[in-house]
Structures are given as C-alpha cells and as structure tokens.
C-alpha cells in the first residue's frame, strides 16, 4: 500500500471511532455521522438534528488529504486527531494543522503546508 492509501486508512479508522456511538446515552434528537469522500479525500464528522428546539448542524472534524499530507481543517475532539495520527505512524511532517493561520504554523510541531 502506498503512503497516501495508508493515511486514508488510518484517518478513516480514527474518525470512525470518534463518530461511533458512545457507551453512554445518546443525546436525544442529535446524531453524529461520519461523511467520507475518498475520491476527493475529504472527511467530516458532524452532529445533526435538534437540541432544545434549535437546529444542530455542527462540524466536529474536517480533514482532507492533499499533496500527500493530511490537512486537519477543523478539530473539536477532546484530544485532537493529530496526536492519534502520529501514534498511528503518520509523520508530523505530513500533518498540517490547517486551522492555524499559515504565518503561525511554524510554531507547531507539524508541517506548515
């Protein structure tokens, strides 16, 4: 398997775990879903439904693979998926924290682009 295919598999595995129902009671009226588009290498976890009479349509994680790197565009998980990707074998040099401004990315331990 090539590197990008490995990244795709690890990213899907990690996000699938985050989107899976928890062992506790689910929030009534709100559903967490994982949307994957492997043709375009776009991956999204979102909450959708209704909470307290208000519509919920919140992106929890948005990641993509571009230029041979995993771009994390948004991440509202507790620990962040970047660390999970590193533990799964993805080099920090191949992970871009896209939610940081480009001029500040050099301050992280991850790729700037």
C-alpha atoms as a PDB file:
ATOM      1  CA  UNK A   1       0.000   0.000   0.000  1.00  0.00           C
ATOM      2  CA  UNK A   2       1.313   3.475  -0.770  1.00  0.00           C
ATOM      3  CA  UNK A   3       1.712   6.218   1.821  1.00  0.00           C
ATOM      4  CA  UNK A   4      -1.458   8.143   0.899  1.00  0.00           C
ATOM      5  CA  UNK A   5      -3.507   4.942   0.986  1.00  0.00           C
ATOM      6  CA  UNK A   6      -2.091   4.255   4.466  1.00  0.00           C
ATOM      7  CA  UNK A   7      -3.021   7.797   5.572  1.00  0.00           C
ATOM      8  CA  UNK A   8      -6.503   7.349   4.136  1.00  0.00           C
ATOM      9  CA  UNK A   9      -6.989   4.075   6.039  1.00  0.00           C
ATOM     10  CA  UNK A  10      -5.698   5.466   9.354  1.00  0.00           C
ATOM     11  CA  UNK A  11      -7.702   8.665   9.063  1.00  0.00           C
ATOM     12  CA  UNK A  12     -10.883   6.709   8.325  1.00  0.00           C
ATOM     13  CA  UNK A  13     -10.221   4.326  11.243  1.00  0.00           C
ATOM     14  CA  UNK A  14      -9.638   7.191  13.695  1.00  0.00           C
ATOM     15  CA  UNK A  15     -12.630   9.220  12.552  1.00  0.00           C
ATOM     16  CA  UNK A  16     -14.889   6.178  12.528  1.00  0.00           C
ATOM     17  CA  UNK A  17     -14.053   5.623  16.199  1.00  0.00           C
ATOM     18  CA  UNK A  18     -14.841   9.276  17.019  1.00  0.00           C
ATOM     19  CA  UNK A  19     -18.164   9.111  15.173  1.00  0.00           C
ATOM     20  CA  UNK A  20     -19.245   5.796  16.707  1.00  0.00           C
ATOM     21  CA  UNK A  21     -21.972   5.915  19.345  1.00  0.00           C
ATOM     22  CA  UNK A  22     -20.593   6.201  22.851  1.00  0.00           C
ATOM     23  CA  UNK A  23     -21.350   3.743  25.614  1.00  0.00           C
ATOM     24  CA  UNK A  24     -23.476   6.332  27.431  1.00  0.00           C
ATOM     25  CA  UNK A  25     -26.926   7.505  26.399  1.00  0.00           C
ATOM     26  CA  UNK A  26     -27.023   9.338  23.080  1.00  0.00           C
ATOM     27  CA  UNK A  27     -28.184  12.926  23.045  1.00  0.00           C
ATOM     28  CA  UNK A  28     -31.865  12.778  22.096  1.00  0.00           C
ATOM     29  CA  UNK A  29     -32.511  14.322  18.711  1.00  0.00           C
ATOM     30  CA  UNK A  30     -28.822  14.677  17.742  1.00  0.00           C
ATOM     31  CA  UNK A  31     -26.959  12.222  15.549  1.00  0.00           C
ATOM     32  CA  UNK A  32     -23.196  12.091  14.968  1.00  0.00           C
ATOM     33  CA  UNK A  33     -22.203  10.995  11.462  1.00  0.00           C
ATOM     34  CA  UNK A  34     -19.000  10.421   9.524  1.00  0.00           C
ATOM     35  CA  UNK A  35     -19.026  11.543   5.901  1.00  0.00           C
ATOM     36  CA  UNK A  36     -16.190  10.353   3.681  1.00  0.00           C
ATOM     37  CA  UNK A  37     -15.414  11.169   0.095  1.00  0.00           C
ATOM     38  CA  UNK A  38     -12.361   9.058  -0.720  1.00  0.00           C
ATOM     39  CA  UNK A  39     -12.459  10.192  -4.348  1.00  0.00           C
ATOM     40  CA  UNK A  40     -11.740  13.751  -3.230  1.00  0.00           C
ATOM     41  CA  UNK A  41     -10.091  12.724   0.074  1.00  0.00           C
ATOM     42  CA  UNK A  42     -12.444  14.784   2.240  1.00  0.00           C
ATOM     43  CA  UNK A  43     -13.522  13.531   5.684  1.00  0.00           C
ATOM     44  CA  UNK A  44     -16.079  15.152   8.014  1.00  0.00           C
ATOM     45  CA  UNK A  45     -17.679  14.260  11.342  1.00  0.00           C
ATOM     46  CA  UNK A  46     -20.762  16.278  12.125  1.00  0.00           C
ATOM     47  CA  UNK A  47     -23.592  16.445  14.620  1.00  0.00           C
ATOM     48  CA  UNK A  48     -27.013  16.990  13.114  1.00  0.00           C
ATOM     49  CA  UNK A  49     -30.537  17.122  14.435  1.00  0.00           C
ATOM     50  CA  UNK A  50     -32.357  19.206  17.033  1.00  0.00           C
ATOM     51  CA  UNK A  51     -31.351  20.374  20.516  1.00  0.00           C
ATOM     52  CA  UNK A  52     -33.694  22.397  22.681  1.00  0.00           C
ATOM     53  CA  UNK A  53     -35.825  23.479  19.738  1.00  0.00           C
ATOM     54  CA  UNK A  54     -32.792  24.660  17.756  1.00  0.00           C
ATOM     55  CA  UNK A  55     -31.298  23.082  14.655  1.00  0.00           C
ATOM     56  CA  UNK A  56     -27.909  21.420  15.112  1.00  0.00           C
ATOM     57  CA  UNK A  57     -25.570  21.110  12.122  1.00  0.00           C
ATOM     58  CA  UNK A  58     -22.086  21.309  13.638  1.00  0.00           C
ATOM     59  CA  UNK A  59     -18.817  20.185  12.067  1.00  0.00           C
ATOM     60  CA  UNK A  60     -16.754  18.366  14.705  1.00  0.00           C
ATOM     61  CA  UNK A  61     -13.840  17.339  12.467  1.00  0.00           C
ATOM     62  CA  UNK A  62     -12.930  18.236   8.907  1.00  0.00           C
ATOM     63  CA  UNK A  63      -9.815  16.619   7.473  1.00  0.00           C
ATOM     64  CA  UNK A  64      -8.544  16.085   3.971  1.00  0.00           C
ATOM     65  CA  UNK A  65      -5.582  14.596   2.182  1.00  0.00           C
ATOM     66  CA  UNK A  66      -3.884  16.917  -0.298  1.00  0.00           C
ATOM     67  CA  UNK A  67      -0.370  16.983  -1.688  1.00  0.00           C
ATOM     68  CA  UNK A  68       0.475  13.765   0.133  1.00  0.00           C
ATOM     69  CA  UNK A  69      -0.305  15.300   3.533  1.00  0.00           C
ATOM     70  CA  UNK A  70      -3.175  15.089   5.995  1.00  0.00           C
ATOM     71  CA  UNK A  71      -4.707  18.532   6.461  1.00  0.00           C
ATOM     72  CA  UNK A  72      -6.750  18.970   9.633  1.00  0.00           C
ATOM     73  CA  UNK A  73      -9.034  21.883   8.814  1.00  0.00           C
ATOM     74  CA  UNK A  74     -11.168  21.712  11.964  1.00  0.00           C
ATOM     75  CA  UNK A  75     -10.956  19.535  15.071  1.00  0.00           C
ATOM     76  CA  UNK A  76     -13.221  19.827  18.103  1.00  0.00           C
ATOM     77  CA  UNK A  77     -12.417  16.382  19.535  1.00  0.00           C
ATOM     78  CA  UNK A  78     -11.183  16.198  23.112  1.00  0.00           C
ATOM     79  CA  UNK A  79      -7.584  15.218  22.408  1.00  0.00           C
ATOM     80  CA  UNK A  80      -7.254  16.179  18.775  1.00  0.00           C
ATOM     81  CA  UNK A  81      -6.759  13.719  15.946  1.00  0.00           C
ATOM     82  CA  UNK A  82      -3.225  14.916  15.081  1.00  0.00           C
ATOM     83  CA  UNK A  83      -1.750  13.024  18.030  1.00  0.00           C
ATOM     84  CA  UNK A  84      -3.722   9.927  17.098  1.00  0.00           C
ATOM     85  CA  UNK A  85      -2.377  10.122  13.547  1.00  0.00           C
ATOM     86  CA  UNK A  86       1.190  10.389  14.862  1.00  0.00           C
ATOM     87  CA  UNK A  87       0.652   7.363  17.130  1.00  0.00           C
ATOM     88  CA  UNK A  88      -0.678   5.509  14.070  1.00  0.00           C
ATOM     89  CA  UNK A  89       2.579   6.181  12.218  1.00  0.00           C
ATOM     90  CA  UNK A  90       1.854   9.338  10.229  1.00  0.00           C
ATOM     91  CA  UNK A  91       4.950  11.582  10.439  1.00  0.00           C
ATOM     92  CA  UNK A  92       4.414  15.062  11.897  1.00  0.00           C
ATOM     93  CA  UNK A  93       5.952  16.417   8.669  1.00  0.00           C
ATOM     94  CA  UNK A  94       2.919  15.009   6.808  1.00  0.00           C
ATOM     95  CA  UNK A  95       0.259  16.574   9.058  1.00  0.00           C
ATOM     96  CA  UNK A  96      -0.829  20.184   8.554  1.00  0.00           C
ATOM     97  CA  UNK A  97      -2.938  21.942  11.178  1.00  0.00           C
ATOM     98  CA  UNK A  98      -4.937  23.923   8.643  1.00  0.00           C
ATOM     99  CA  UNK A  99      -6.996  25.625  11.356  1.00  0.00           C
ATOM    100  CA  UNK A 100      -3.904  27.619  12.359  1.00  0.00           C
ATOM    101  CA  UNK A 101      -3.073  30.708  10.293  1.00  0.00           C
ATOM    102  CA  UNK A 102      -0.296  29.976   7.769  1.00  0.00           C
ATOM    103  CA  UNK A 103       2.041  32.512   9.375  1.00  0.00           C
ATOM    104  CA  UNK A 104       1.792  30.727  12.757  1.00  0.00           C
ATOM    105  CA  UNK A 105       2.064  27.098  11.670  1.00  0.00           C
ATOM    106  CA  UNK A 106       5.837  27.126  12.027  1.00  0.00           C
ATOM    107  CA  UNK A 107       5.254  27.422  15.798  1.00  0.00           C
ATOM    108  CA  UNK A 108       3.729  23.917  15.882  1.00  0.00           C
ATOM    109  CA  UNK A 109       5.495  20.569  15.695  1.00  0.00           C
ATOM    110  CA  UNK A 110       3.681  19.841  12.443  1.00  0.00           C
ATOM    111  CA  UNK A 111       4.078  20.744   8.765  1.00  0.00           C
ATOM    112  CA  UNK A 112       3.441  24.321   7.662  1.00  0.00           C
ATOM    113  CA  UNK A 113       1.865  23.270   4.342  1.00  0.00           C
END
